[in-house]
PDB file of N, CA and C in Angstrom:
ATOM      1  N   MET A   1     -73.274 -32.116 -10.471  1.00  0.00           N
ATOM      2  CA  MET A   1     -72.188 -33.059 -10.765  1.00  0.00           C
ATOM      3  C   MET A   1     -70.864 -32.460 -10.292  1.00  0.00           C
ATOM      4  N   SER A   2     -69.828 -33.189 -10.589  1.00  0.00           N
ATOM      5  CA  SER A   2     -68.556 -32.804  -9.997  1.00  0.00           C
ATOM      6  C   SER A   2     -67.441 -32.842 -11.031  1.00  0.00           C
ATOM      7  N   LYS A   3     -66.274 -32.601 -10.533  1.00  0.00           N
ATOM      8  CA  LYS A   3     -65.066 -32.728 -11.348  1.00  0.00           C
ATOM      9  C   LYS A   3     -64.231 -33.785 -10.662  1.00  0.00           C
ATOM     10  N   LYS A   4     -64.088 -34.913 -11.310  1.00  0.00           N
ATOM     11  CA  LYS A   4     -63.456 -36.039 -10.652  1.00  0.00           C
ATOM     12  C   LYS A   4     -62.692 -36.896 -11.651  1.00  0.00           C
ATOM     13  N   VAL A   5     -61.611 -37.481 -11.177  1.00  0.00           N
ATOM     14  CA  VAL A   5     -60.862 -38.430 -11.993  1.00  0.00           C
ATOM     15  C   VAL A   5     -60.694 -39.711 -11.184  1.00  0.00           C
ATOM     16  N   TYR A   6     -61.233 -40.799 -11.728  1.00  0.00           N
ATOM     17  CA  TYR A   6     -61.030 -42.120 -11.137  1.00  0.00           C
ATOM     18  C   TYR A   6     -59.830 -42.717 -11.861  1.00  0.00           C
ATOM     19  N   HIS A   7     -58.810 -43.078 -11.092  1.00  0.00           N
ATOM     20  CA  HIS A   7     -57.578 -43.566 -11.713  1.00  0.00           C
ATOM     21  C   HIS A   7     -56.937 -44.614 -10.823  1.00  0.00           C
ATOM     22  N   LEU A   8     -55.852 -45.163 -11.328  1.00  0.00           N
ATOM     23  CA  LEU A   8     -55.076 -46.133 -10.567  1.00  0.00           C
ATOM     24  C   LEU A   8     -53.671 -45.570 -10.434  1.00  0.00           C
ATOM     25  N   SER A   9     -53.243 -45.299  -9.205  1.00  0.00           N
ATOM     26  CA  SER A   9     -51.951 -44.634  -9.004  1.00  0.00           C
ATOM     27  C   SER A   9     -50.767 -45.501  -9.435  1.00  0.00           C
ATOM     28  N   THR A  10     -50.967 -46.807  -9.483  1.00  0.00           N
ATOM     29  CA  THR A  10     -49.873 -47.701  -9.881  1.00  0.00           C
ATOM     30  C   THR A  10     -49.814 -47.906 -11.395  1.00  0.00           C
ATOM     31  N   CYS A  11     -50.722 -47.283 -12.123  1.00  0.00           N
ATOM     32  CA  CYS A  11     -50.794 -47.456 -13.578  1.00  0.00           C
ATOM     33  C   CYS A  11     -50.007 -46.335 -14.261  1.00  0.00           C
ATOM     34  N   ASN A  12     -48.980 -46.716 -15.012  1.00  0.00           N
ATOM     35  CA  ASN A  12     -48.141 -45.721 -15.696  1.00  0.00           C
ATOM     36  C   ASN A  12     -48.944 -44.884 -16.681  1.00  0.00           C
ATOM     37  N   THR A  13     -49.873 -45.509 -17.370  1.00  0.00           N
ATOM     38  CA  THR A  13     -50.704 -44.782 -18.338  1.00  0.00           C
ATOM     39  C   THR A  13     -51.530 -43.712 -17.630  1.00  0.00           C
ATOM     40  N   CYS A  14     -52.146 -44.081 -16.501  1.00  0.00           N
ATOM     41  CA  CYS A  14     -52.936 -43.110 -15.728  1.00  0.00           C
ATOM     42  C   CYS A  14     -52.052 -41.953 -15.255  1.00  0.00           C
ATOM     43  N   GLN A  15     -50.861 -42.277 -14.774  1.00  0.00           N
ATOM     44  CA  GLN A  15     -49.945 -41.243 -14.290  1.00  0.00           C
ATOM     45  C   GLN A  15     -49.590 -40.273 -15.415  1.00  0.00           C
ATOM     46  N   ARG A  16     -49.305 -40.811 -16.597  1.00  0.00           N
ATOM     47  CA  ARG A  16     -48.941 -39.994 -17.747  1.00  0.00           C
ATOM     48  C   ARG A  16     -50.111 -39.090 -18.143  1.00  0.00           C
ATOM     49  N   ILE A  17     -51.304 -39.650 -18.173  1.00  0.00           N
ATOM     50  CA  ILE A  17     -52.489 -38.886 -18.556  1.00  0.00           C
ATOM     51  C   ILE A  17     -52.780 -37.772 -17.547  1.00  0.00           C
ATOM     52  N   LEU A  18     -52.689 -38.084 -16.254  1.00  0.00           N
ATOM     53  CA  LEU A  18     -52.922 -37.065 -15.225  1.00  0.00           C
ATOM     54  C   LEU A  18     -51.952 -35.894 -15.399  1.00  0.00           C
ATOM     55  N   LYS A  19     -50.701 -36.218 -15.683  1.00  0.00           N
ATOM     56  CA  LYS A  19     -49.689 -35.185 -15.890  1.00  0.00           C
ATOM     57  C   LYS A  19     -50.053 -34.340 -17.111  1.00  0.00           C
ATOM     58  N   ASP A  20     -50.510 -35.029 -18.153  1.00  0.00           N
ATOM     59  CA  ASP A  20     -50.889 -34.371 -19.405  1.00  0.00           C
ATOM     60  C   ASP A  20     -52.101 -33.444 -19.218  1.00  0.00           C
ATOM     61  N   LEU A  21     -52.991 -33.789 -18.294  1.00  0.00           N
ATOM     62  CA  LEU A  21     -54.219 -33.024 -18.079  1.00  0.00           C
ATOM     63  C   LEU A  21     -54.032 -31.826 -17.156  1.00  0.00           C
ATOM     64  N   GLU A  22     -52.880 -31.743 -16.489  1.00  0.00           N
ATOM     65  CA  GLU A  22     -52.647 -30.658 -15.529  1.00  0.00           C
ATOM     66  C   GLU A  22     -52.776 -29.298 -16.203  1.00  0.00           C
ATOM     67  N   PRO A  23     -53.210 -28.270 -15.466  1.00  0.00           N
ATOM     68  CA  PRO A  23     -53.603 -28.314 -14.058  1.00  0.00           C
ATOM     69  C   PRO A  23     -55.031 -28.849 -13.894  1.00  0.00           C
ATOM     70  N   LEU A  24     -55.237 -29.604 -12.841  1.00  0.00           N
ATOM     71  CA  LEU A  24     -56.549 -30.177 -12.538  1.00  0.00           C
ATOM     72  C   LEU A  24     -57.161 -29.465 -11.336  1.00  0.00           C
ATOM     73  N   ASP A  25     -57.222 -28.158 -11.422  1.00  0.00           N
ATOM     74  CA  ASP A  25     -57.760 -27.341 -10.337  1.00  0.00           C
ATOM     75  C   ASP A  25     -59.221 -27.694 -10.077  1.00  0.00           C
ATOM     76  N   GLY A  26     -59.551 -27.913  -8.819  1.00  0.00           N
ATOM     77  CA  GLY A  26     -60.932 -28.196  -8.457  1.00  0.00           C
ATOM     78  C   GLY A  26     -61.356 -29.636  -8.685  1.00  0.00           C
ATOM     79  N   PHE A  27     -60.428 -30.477  -9.125  1.00  0.00           N
ATOM     80  CA  PHE A  27     -60.755 -31.883  -9.365  1.00  0.00           C
ATOM     81  C   PHE A  27     -60.436 -32.735  -8.149  1.00  0.00           C
ATOM     82  N   VAL A  28     -61.241 -33.743  -7.929  1.00  0.00           N
ATOM     83  CA  VAL A  28     -60.981 -34.735  -6.903  1.00  0.00           C
ATOM     84  C   VAL A  28     -60.373 -35.938  -7.626  1.00  0.00           C
ATOM     85  N   LEU A  29     -59.209 -36.369  -7.168  1.00  0.00           N
ATOM     86  CA  LEU A  29     -58.569 -37.554  -7.747  1.00  0.00           C
ATOM     87  C   LEU A  29     -58.822 -38.723  -6.814  1.00  0.00           C
ATOM     88  N   GLN A  30     -59.373 -39.787  -7.354  1.00  0.00           N
ATOM     89  CA  GLN A  30     -59.664 -40.963  -6.535  1.00  0.00           C
ATOM     90  C   GLN A  30     -58.900 -42.153  -7.078  1.00  0.00           C
ATOM     91  N   ASP A  31     -57.963 -42.639  -6.257  1.00  0.00           N
ATOM     92  CA  ASP A  31     -57.219 -43.852  -6.589  1.00  0.00           C
ATOM     93  C   ASP A  31     -58.128 -45.040  -6.274  1.00  0.00           C
ATOM     94  N   ILE A  32     -58.596 -45.722  -7.308  1.00  0.00           N
ATOM     95  CA  ILE A  32     -59.622 -46.752  -7.119  1.00  0.00           C
ATOM     96  C   ILE A  32     -59.103 -48.007  -6.419  1.00  0.00           C
ATOM     97  N   LYS A  33     -57.785 -48.103  -6.275  1.00  0.00           N
ATOM     98  CA  LYS A  33     -57.249 -49.261  -5.538  1.00  0.00           C
ATOM     99  C   LYS A  33     -57.312 -48.999  -4.027  1.00  0.00           C
ATOM    100  N   SER A  34     -56.885 -47.827  -3.608  1.00  0.00           N
ATOM    101  CA  SER A  34     -56.886 -47.523  -2.176  1.00  0.00           C
ATOM    102  C   SER A  34     -58.249 -47.013  -1.704  1.00  0.00           C
ATOM    103  N   GLU A  35     -59.050 -46.502  -2.623  1.00  0.00           N
ATOM    104  CA  GLU A  35     -60.392 -46.008  -2.284  1.00  0.00           C
ATOM    105  C   GLU A  35     -61.374 -46.540  -3.338  1.00  0.00           C
ATOM    106  N   PRO A  36     -61.824 -47.777  -3.149  1.00  0.00           N
ATOM    107  CA  PRO A  36     -62.687 -48.416  -4.159  1.00  0.00           C
ATOM    108  C   PRO A  36     -63.925 -47.583  -4.475  1.00  0.00           C
ATOM    109  N   ILE A  37     -64.361 -47.676  -5.724  1.00  0.00           N
ATOM    110  CA  ILE A  37     -65.557 -46.933  -6.102  1.00  0.00           C
ATOM    111  C   ILE A  37     -66.774 -47.537  -5.409  1.00  0.00           C
ATOM    112  N   THR A  38     -67.691 -46.659  -5.076  1.00  0.00           N
ATOM    113  CA  THR A  38     -68.909 -47.103  -4.401  1.00  0.00           C
ATOM    114  C   THR A  38     -69.991 -47.375  -5.441  1.00  0.00           C
ATOM    115  N   LYS A  39     -71.031 -48.022  -4.984  1.00  0.00           N
ATOM    116  CA  LYS A  39     -72.171 -48.299  -5.864  1.00  0.00           C
ATOM    117  C   LYS A  39     -72.747 -46.975  -6.381  1.00  0.00           C
ATOM    118  N   ASP A  40     -72.850 -45.978  -5.510  1.00  0.00           N
ATOM    119  CA  ASP A  40     -73.384 -44.670  -5.906  1.00  0.00           C
ATOM    120  C   ASP A  40     -72.507 -44.005  -6.961  1.00  0.00           C
ATOM    121  N   GLN A  41     -71.189 -44.116  -6.790  1.00  0.00           N
ATOM    122  CA  GLN A  41     -70.276 -43.524  -7.775  1.00  0.00           C
ATOM    123  C   GLN A  41     -70.432 -44.213  -9.134  1.00  0.00           C
ATOM    124  N   LEU A  42     -70.559 -45.531  -9.092  1.00  0.00           N
ATOM    125  CA  LEU A  42     -70.728 -46.277 -10.335  1.00  0.00           C
ATOM    126  C   LEU A  42     -72.053 -45.901 -11.004  1.00  0.00           C
ATOM    127  N   GLU A  43     -73.089 -45.731 -10.199  1.00  0.00           N
ATOM    128  CA  GLU A  43     -74.398 -45.335 -10.749  1.00  0.00           C
ATOM    129  C   GLU A  43     -74.312 -43.943 -11.375  1.00  0.00           C
ATOM    130  N   GLU A  44     -73.532 -43.062 -10.756  1.00  0.00           N
ATOM    131  CA  GLU A  44     -73.345 -41.716 -11.317  1.00  0.00           C
ATOM    132  C   GLU A  44     -72.645 -41.813 -12.674  1.00  0.00           C
ATOM    133  N   MET A  45     -71.614 -42.649 -12.751  1.00  0.00           N
ATOM    134  CA  MET A  45     -70.908 -42.845 -14.026  1.00  0.00           C
ATOM    135  C   MET A  45     -71.858 -43.416 -15.070  1.00  0.00           C
ATOM    136  N   TYR A  46     -72.692 -44.357 -14.625  1.00  0.00           N
ATOM    137  CA  TYR A  46     -73.653 -44.985 -15.530  1.00  0.00           C
ATOM    138  C   TYR A  46     -74.668 -43.959 -16.041  1.00  0.00           C
ATOM    139  N   SER A  47     -75.095 -43.064 -15.172  1.00  0.00           N
ATOM    140  CA  SER A  47     -76.087 -42.056 -15.575  1.00  0.00           C
ATOM    141  C   SER A  47     -75.529 -41.150 -16.675  1.00  0.00           C
ATOM    142  N   LEU A  48     -74.215 -41.013 -16.738  1.00  0.00           N
ATOM    143  CA  LEU A  48     -73.581 -40.193 -17.776  1.00  0.00           C
ATOM    144  C   LEU A  48     -73.239 -41.002 -19.027  1.00  0.00           C
ATOM    145  N   SER A  49     -72.867 -42.260 -18.839  1.00  0.00           N
ATOM    146  CA  SER A  49     -72.424 -43.082 -19.975  1.00  0.00           C
ATOM    147  C   SER A  49     -73.539 -43.955 -20.548  1.00  0.00           C
ATOM    148  N   HIS A  50     -74.558 -44.233 -19.728  1.00  0.00           N
ATOM    149  CA  HIS A  50     -75.693 -45.091 -20.110  1.00  0.00           C
ATOM    150  C   HIS A  50     -75.268 -46.516 -20.445  1.00  0.00           C
ATOM    151  N   SER A  51     -74.098 -46.935 -19.941  1.00  0.00           N
ATOM    152  CA  SER A  51     -73.624 -48.281 -20.248  1.00  0.00           C
ATOM    153  C   SER A  51     -72.568 -48.719 -19.240  1.00  0.00           C
ATOM    154  N   TYR A  52     -72.817 -49.858 -18.606  1.00  0.00           N
ATOM    155  CA  TYR A  52     -71.779 -50.430 -17.732  1.00  0.00           C
ATOM    156  C   TYR A  52     -70.683 -51.045 -18.590  1.00  0.00           C
ATOM    157  N   GLU A  53     -71.069 -51.563 -19.752  1.00  0.00           N
ATOM    158  CA  GLU A  53     -70.076 -52.171 -20.644  1.00  0.00           C
ATOM    159  C   GLU A  53     -69.034 -51.141 -21.085  1.00  0.00           C
ATOM    160  N   ALA A  54     -69.470 -49.902 -21.322  1.00  0.00           N
ATOM    161  CA  ALA A  54     -68.546 -48.838 -21.724  1.00  0.00           C
ATOM    162  C   ALA A  54     -67.536 -48.535 -20.614  1.00  0.00           C
ATOM    163  N   LEU A  55     -67.936 -48.771 -19.371  1.00  0.00           N
ATOM    164  CA  LEU A  55     -67.067 -48.515 -18.216  1.00  0.00           C
ATOM    165  C   LEU A  55     -66.173 -49.709 -17.886  1.00  0.00           C
ATOM    166  N   PHE A  56     -66.396 -50.807 -18.577  1.00  0.00           N
ATOM    167  CA  PHE A  56     -65.738 -52.081 -18.251  1.00  0.00           C
ATOM    168  C   PHE A  56     -64.486 -52.282 -19.095  1.00  0.00           C
ATOM    169  N   SER A  57     -63.419 -52.704 -18.445  1.00  0.00           N
ATOM    170  CA  SER A  57     -62.169 -52.968 -19.150  1.00  0.00           C
ATOM    171  C   SER A  57     -62.032 -54.454 -19.482  1.00  0.00           C
ATOM    172  N   LYS A  58     -62.117 -54.750 -20.762  1.00  0.00           N
ATOM    173  CA  LYS A  58     -61.931 -56.138 -21.201  1.00  0.00           C
ATOM    174  C   LYS A  58     -60.449 -56.482 -21.297  1.00  0.00           C
ATOM    175  N   ARG A  59     -59.597 -55.491 -21.045  1.00  0.00           N
ATOM    176  CA  ARG A  59     -58.149 -55.721 -21.052  1.00  0.00           C
ATOM    177  C   ARG A  59     -57.631 -56.195 -19.699  1.00  0.00           C
ATOM    178  N   ALA A  60     -58.477 -56.120 -18.690  1.00  0.00           N
ATOM    179  CA  ALA A  60     -58.059 -56.520 -17.340  1.00  0.00           C
ATOM    180  C   ALA A  60     -57.604 -57.978 -17.359  1.00  0.00           C
ATOM    181  N   MET A  61     -56.502 -58.264 -16.684  1.00  0.00           N
ATOM    182  CA  MET A  61     -55.973 -59.632 -16.648  1.00  0.00           C
ATOM    183  C   MET A  61     -57.000 -60.612 -16.082  1.00  0.00           C
ATOM    184  N   LEU A  62     -57.769 -60.161 -15.109  1.00  0.00           N
ATOM    185  CA  LEU A  62     -58.771 -61.033 -14.492  1.00  0.00           C
ATOM    186  C   LEU A  62     -59.878 -61.428 -15.478  1.00  0.00           C
ATOM    187  N   PHE A  63     -60.068 -60.621 -16.526  1.00  0.00           N
ATOM    188  CA  PHE A  63     -61.113 -60.903 -17.512  1.00  0.00           C
ATOM    189  C   PHE A  63     -60.866 -62.269 -18.147  1.00  0.00           C
ATOM    190  N   ARG A  64     -59.621 -62.525 -18.518  1.00  0.00           N
ATOM    191  CA  ARG A  64     -59.277 -63.820 -19.120  1.00  0.00           C
ATOM    192  C   ARG A  64     -59.096 -64.889 -18.044  1.00  0.00           C
ATOM    193  N   GLN A  65     -58.459 -64.503 -16.935  1.00  0.00           N
ATOM    194  CA  GLN A  65     -58.213 -65.474 -15.862  1.00  0.00           C
ATOM    195  C   GLN A  65     -59.496 -66.099 -15.347  1.00  0.00           C
ATOM    196  N   ARG A  66     -60.551 -65.316 -15.294  1.00  0.00           N
ATOM    197  CA  ARG A  66     -61.837 -65.824 -14.808  1.00  0.00           C
ATOM    198  C   ARG A  66     -62.673 -66.456 -15.929  1.00  0.00           C
ATOM    199  N   GLY A  67     -62.107 -66.480 -17.145  1.00  0.00           N
ATOM    200  CA  GLY A  67     -62.830 -67.081 -18.268  1.00  0.00           C
ATOM    201  C   GLY A  67     -64.015 -66.259 -18.729  1.00  0.00           C
ATOM    202  N   LEU A  68     -64.012 -64.977 -18.392  1.00  0.00           N
ATOM    203  CA  LEU A  68     -65.158 -64.117 -18.734  1.00  0.00           C
ATOM    204  C   LEU A  68     -65.256 -63.854 -20.232  1.00  0.00           C
ATOM    205  N   HIS A  69     -64.099 -63.962 -20.930  1.00  0.00           N
ATOM    206  CA  HIS A  69     -64.103 -63.730 -22.377  1.00  0.00           C
ATOM    207  C   HIS A  69     -64.891 -64.807 -23.121  1.00  0.00           C
ATOM    208  N   GLU A  70     -65.181 -65.908 -22.436  1.00  0.00           N
ATOM    209  CA  GLU A  70     -65.927 -66.999 -23.060  1.00  0.00           C
ATOM    210  C   GLU A  70     -67.411 -66.956 -22.705  1.00  0.00           C
ATOM    211  N   LYS A  71     -67.800 -65.955 -21.917  1.00  0.00           N
ATOM    212  CA  LYS A  71     -69.195 -65.871 -21.458  1.00  0.00           C
ATOM    213  C   LYS A  71     -69.910 -64.705 -22.123  1.00  0.00           C
ATOM    214  N   GLU A  72     -71.225 -64.842 -22.158  1.00  0.00           N
ATOM    215  CA  GLU A  72     -72.089 -63.760 -22.653  1.00  0.00           C
ATOM    216  C   GLU A  72     -72.430 -62.900 -21.439  1.00  0.00           C
ATOM    217  N   LEU A  73     -71.873 -61.690 -21.385  1.00  0.00           N
ATOM    218  CA  LEU A  73     -72.087 -60.828 -20.224  1.00  0.00           C
ATOM    219  C   LEU A  73     -73.117 -59.750 -20.529  1.00  0.00           C
ATOM    220  N   GLY A  74     -73.952 -59.453 -19.541  1.00  0.00           N
ATOM    221  CA  GLY A  74     -74.939 -58.383 -19.685  1.00  0.00           C
ATOM    222  C   GLY A  74     -74.567 -57.203 -18.817  1.00  0.00           C
ATOM    223  N   GLU A  75     -75.370 -56.153 -18.887  1.00  0.00           N
ATOM    224  CA  GLU A  75     -75.102 -54.932 -18.127  1.00  0.00           C
ATOM    225  C   GLU A  75     -74.968 -55.198 -16.624  1.00  0.00           C
ATOM    226  N   THR A  76     -75.825 -56.061 -16.075  1.00  0.00           N
ATOM    227  CA  THR A  76     -75.764 -56.374 -14.645  1.00  0.00           C
ATOM    228  C   THR A  76     -74.445 -57.056 -14.298  1.00  0.00           C
ATOM    229  N   ASP A  77     -73.978 -57.946 -15.200  1.00  0.00           N
ATOM    230  CA  ASP A  77     -72.686 -58.621 -14.987  1.00  0.00           C
ATOM    231  C   ASP A  77     -71.559 -57.597 -14.943  1.00  0.00           C
ATOM    232  N   TYR A  78     -71.556 -56.690 -15.921  1.00  0.00           N
ATOM    233  CA  TYR A  78     -70.499 -55.669 -15.968  1.00  0.00           C
ATOM    234  C   TYR A  78     -70.515 -54.815 -14.692  1.00  0.00           C
ATOM    235  N   LYS A  79     -71.708 -54.410 -14.274  1.00  0.00           N
ATOM    236  CA  LYS A  79     -71.848 -53.589 -13.068  1.00  0.00           C
ATOM    237  C   LYS A  79     -71.270 -54.326 -11.857  1.00  0.00           C
ATOM    238  N   ASN A  80     -71.681 -55.588 -11.669  1.00  0.00           N
ATOM    239  CA  ASN A  80     -71.227 -56.356 -10.509  1.00  0.00           C
ATOM    240  C   ASN A  80     -69.731 -56.626 -10.546  1.00  0.00           C
ATOM    241  N   LEU A  81     -69.191 -56.885 -11.718  1.00  0.00           N
ATOM    242  CA  LEU A  81     -67.751 -57.136 -11.845  1.00  0.00           C
ATOM    243  C   LEU A  81     -66.945 -55.882 -11.506  1.00  0.00           C
ATOM    244  N   ILE A  82     -67.414 -54.717 -11.969  1.00  0.00           N
ATOM    245  CA  ILE A  82     -66.714 -53.461 -11.661  1.00  0.00           C
ATOM    246  C   ILE A  82     -66.726 -53.219 -10.149  1.00  0.00           C
ATOM    247  N   LEU A  83     -67.850 -53.487  -9.519  1.00  0.00           N
ATOM    248  CA  LEU A  83     -67.936 -53.299  -8.065  1.00  0.00           C
ATOM    249  C   LEU A  83     -67.119 -54.349  -7.315  1.00  0.00           C
ATOM    250  N   ASP A  84     -66.962 -55.521  -7.921  1.00  0.00           N
ATOM    251  CA  ASP A  84     -66.229 -56.622  -7.302  1.00  0.00           C
ATOM    252  C   ASP A  84     -64.723 -56.370  -7.285  1.00  0.00           C
ATOM    253  N   HIS A  85     -64.185 -55.794  -8.360  1.00  0.00           N
ATOM    254  CA  HIS A  85     -62.731 -55.601  -8.426  1.00  0.00           C
ATOM    255  C   HIS A  85     -62.380 -54.366  -9.246  1.00  0.00           C
ATOM    256  N   TYR A  86     -61.554 -53.492  -8.662  1.00  0.00           N
ATOM    257  CA  TYR A  86     -61.207 -52.216  -9.294  1.00  0.00           C
ATOM    258  C   TYR A  86     -60.612 -52.369 -10.687  1.00  0.00           C
ATOM    259  N   THR A  87     -59.948 -53.483 -10.932  1.00  0.00           N
ATOM    260  CA  THR A  87     -59.253 -53.655 -12.203  1.00  0.00           C
ATOM    261  C   THR A  87     -60.212 -53.698 -13.393  1.00  0.00           C
ATOM    262  N   PHE A  88     -61.499 -53.953 -13.116  1.00  0.00           N
ATOM    263  CA  PHE A  88     -62.476 -54.022 -14.209  1.00  0.00           C
ATOM    264  C   PHE A  88     -62.984 -52.653 -14.663  1.00  0.00           C
ATOM    265  N   LEU A  89     -62.633 -51.590 -13.952  1.00  0.00           N
ATOM    266  CA  LEU A  89     -63.045 -50.259 -14.394  1.00  0.00           C
ATOM    267  C   LEU A  89     -62.052 -49.769 -15.440  1.00  0.00           C
ATOM    268  N   LYS A  90     -62.563 -49.395 -16.600  1.00  0.00           N
ATOM    269  CA  LYS A  90     -61.707 -48.849 -17.651  1.00  0.00           C
ATOM    270  C   LYS A  90     -61.166 -47.522 -17.138  1.00  0.00           C
ATOM    271  N   ARG A  91     -59.867 -47.335 -17.266  1.00  0.00           N
ATOM    272  CA  ARG A  91     -59.252 -46.154 -16.658  1.00  0.00           C
ATOM    273  C   ARG A  91     -58.546 -45.285 -17.683  1.00  0.00           C
ATOM    274  N   PRO A  92     -58.416 -44.006 -17.343  1.00  0.00           N
ATOM    275  CA  PRO A  92     -59.106 -43.323 -16.254  1.00  0.00           C
ATOM    276  C   PRO A  92     -60.552 -43.001 -16.650  1.00  0.00           C
ATOM    277  N   VAL A  93     -61.360 -42.689 -15.650  1.00  0.00           N
ATOM    278  CA  VAL A  93     -62.700 -42.158 -15.899  1.00  0.00           C
ATOM    279  C   VAL A  93     -62.659 -40.715 -15.408  1.00  0.00           C
ATOM    280  N   ILE A  94     -62.940 -39.799 -16.325  1.00  0.00           N
ATOM    281  CA  ILE A  94     -62.880 -38.373 -16.014  1.00  0.00           C
ATOM    282  C   ILE A  94     -64.298 -37.810 -16.103  1.00  0.00           C
ATOM    283  N   VAL A  95     -64.745 -37.205 -15.019  1.00  0.00           N
ATOM    284  CA  VAL A  95     -66.066 -36.586 -14.996  1.00  0.00           C
ATOM    285  C   VAL A  95     -65.867 -35.074 -14.895  1.00  0.00           C
ATOM    286  N   VAL A  96     -66.417 -34.369 -15.891  1.00  0.00           N
ATOM    287  CA  VAL A  96     -66.366 -32.912 -15.900  1.00  0.00           C
ATOM    288  C   VAL A  96     -67.811 -32.438 -15.994  1.00  0.00           C
ATOM    289  N   ASP A  97     -68.353 -32.031 -14.852  1.00  0.00           N
ATOM    290  CA  ASP A  97     -69.760 -31.609 -14.769  1.00  0.00           C
ATOM    291  C   ASP A  97     -70.670 -32.715 -15.307  1.00  0.00           C
ATOM    292  N   ASN A  98     -71.327 -32.508 -16.442  1.00  0.00           N
ATOM    293  CA  ASN A  98     -72.248 -33.519 -16.965  1.00  0.00           C
ATOM    294  C   ASN A  98     -71.651 -34.361 -18.077  1.00  0.00           C
ATOM    295  N   GLU A  99     -70.339 -34.306 -18.253  1.00  0.00           N
ATOM    296  CA  GLU A  99     -69.681 -35.095 -19.288  1.00  0.00           C
ATOM    297  C   GLU A  99     -68.812 -36.156 -18.650  1.00  0.00           C
ATOM    298  N   ILE A 100     -68.697 -37.292 -19.350  1.00  0.00           N
ATOM    299  CA  ILE A 100     -67.832 -38.368 -18.861  1.00  0.00           C
ATOM    300  C   ILE A 100     -66.907 -38.794 -19.979  1.00  0.00           C
ATOM    301  N   PHE A 101     -65.660 -39.041 -19.611  1.00  0.00           N
ATOM    302  CA  PHE A 101     -64.648 -39.486 -20.560  1.00  0.00           C
ATOM    303  C   PHE A 101     -64.057 -40.775 -20.000  1.00  0.00           C
ATOM    304  N   ILE A 102     -64.163 -41.838 -20.787  1.00  0.00           N
ATOM    305  CA  ILE A 102     -63.796 -43.166 -20.295  1.00  0.00           C
ATOM    306  C   ILE A 102     -62.646 -43.733 -21.097  1.00  0.00           C
ATOM    307  N   GLY A 103     -61.593 -44.146 -20.399  1.00  0.00           N
ATOM    308  CA  GLY A 103     -60.496 -44.837 -21.052  1.00  0.00           C
ATOM    309  C   GLY A 103     -59.360 -43.910 -21.444  1.00  0.00           C
ATOM    310  N   ASN A 104     -58.354 -44.506 -22.099  1.00  0.00           N
ATOM    311  CA  ASN A 104     -57.117 -43.774 -22.336  1.00  0.00           C
ATOM    312  C   ASN A 104     -56.800 -43.545 -23.810  1.00  0.00           C
ATOM    313  N   SER A 105     -57.803 -43.643 -24.682  1.00  0.00           N
ATOM    314  CA  SER A 105     -57.513 -43.380 -26.092  1.00  0.00           C
ATOM    315  C   SER A 105     -57.124 -41.918 -26.256  1.00  0.00           C
ATOM    316  N   LYS A 106     -56.262 -41.659 -27.208  1.00  0.00           N
ATOM    317  CA  LYS A 106     -55.753 -40.312 -27.452  1.00  0.00           C
ATOM    318  C   LYS A 106     -56.906 -39.336 -27.683  1.00  0.00           C
ATOM    319  N   LYS A 107     -57.887 -39.740 -28.474  1.00  0.00           N
ATOM    320  CA  LYS A 107     -59.032 -38.884 -28.794  1.00  0.00           C
ATOM    321  C   LYS A 107     -59.828 -38.558 -27.529  1.00  0.00           C
ATOM    322  N   THR A 108     -60.074 -39.575 -26.699  1.00  0.00           N
ATOM    323  CA  THR A 108     -60.825 -39.371 -25.445  1.00  0.00           C
ATOM    324  C   THR A 108     -60.102 -38.380 -24.545  1.00  0.00           C
ATOM    325  N   ILE A 109     -58.797 -38.541 -24.412  1.00  0.00           N
ATOM    326  CA  ILE A 109     -58.009 -37.673 -23.520  1.00  0.00           C
ATOM    327  C   ILE A 109     -57.967 -36.246 -24.059  1.00  0.00           C
ATOM    328  N   GLU A 110     -57.822 -36.089 -25.376  1.00  0.00           N
ATOM    329  CA  GLU A 110     -57.816 -34.752 -25.972  1.00  0.00           C
ATOM    330  C   GLU A 110     -59.149 -34.039 -25.736  1.00  0.00           C
ATOM    331  N   THR A 111     -60.252 -34.771 -25.907  1.00  0.00           N
ATOM    332  CA  THR A 111     -61.582 -34.202 -25.702  1.00  0.00           C
ATOM    333  C   THR A 111     -61.781 -33.825 -24.236  1.00  0.00           C
ATOM    334  N   ALA A 112     -61.312 -34.691 -23.346  1.00  0.00           N
ATOM    335  CA  ALA A 112     -61.397 -34.423 -21.899  1.00  0.00           C
ATOM    336  C   ALA A 112     -60.588 -33.181 -21.554  1.00  0.00           C
ATOM    337  N   LYS A 113     -59.408 -33.083 -22.135  1.00  0.00           N
ATOM    338  CA  LYS A 113     -58.524 -31.945 -21.882  1.00  0.00           C
ATOM    339  C   LYS A 113     -59.223 -30.636 -22.282  1.00  0.00           C
ATOM    340  N   ASP A 114     -59.881 -30.660 -23.440  1.00  0.00           N
ATOM    341  CA  ASP A 114     -60.616 -29.476 -23.900  1.00  0.00           C
ATOM    342  C   ASP A 114     -61.710 -29.106 -22.906  1.00  0.00           C
ATOM    343  N   ALA A 115     -62.438 -30.128 -22.409  1.00  0.00           N
ATOM    344  CA  ALA A 115     -63.525 -29.878 -21.454  1.00  0.00           C
ATOM    345  C   ALA A 115     -62.992 -29.338 -20.127  1.00  0.00           C
ATOM    346  N   ILE A 116     -61.862 -29.848 -19.693  1.00  0.00           N
ATOM    347  CA  ILE A 116     -61.257 -29.441 -18.423  1.00  0.00           C
ATOM    348  C   ILE A 116     -60.802 -27.991 -18.478  1.00  0.00           C
ATOM    349  N   HIS A 117     -60.192 -27.632 -19.608  1.00  0.00           N
ATOM    350  CA  HIS A 117     -59.548 -26.309 -19.706  1.00  0.00           C
ATOM    351  C   HIS A 117     -60.381 -25.284 -20.478  1.00  0.00           C
ATOM    352  N   SER A 118     -61.668 -25.584 -20.696  1.00  0.00           N
ATOM    353  CA  SER A 118     -62.500 -24.607 -21.430  1.00  0.00           C
ATOM    354  C   SER A 118     -63.112 -23.597 -20.481  1.00  0.00           C
TER     355      SER A 118
END
């Protein structure tokens, strides 16, 4: 596995978190807008999280715009939506060897920080 952070460079929250996590020596930073995640990358995230829903952002503006909040979505739907548009990936996603940290909750970021700097 690797050391990687999937983020959105235009997202203030992601920028703040990246700054908070420094130094990120040996990490690959991937801006998911300019370099969309691949199917293989998503499968790698899934292998660590065991859930596409956990990787999916229900806060994305497109979630409501597309009326998805009114539908019953399954794992395949979440997977396809994430691959369809970067905004559906819950950000940031931090991979540290065999651990994955998804989203921007304070607890998640603190735990990720411990894993990064241990």
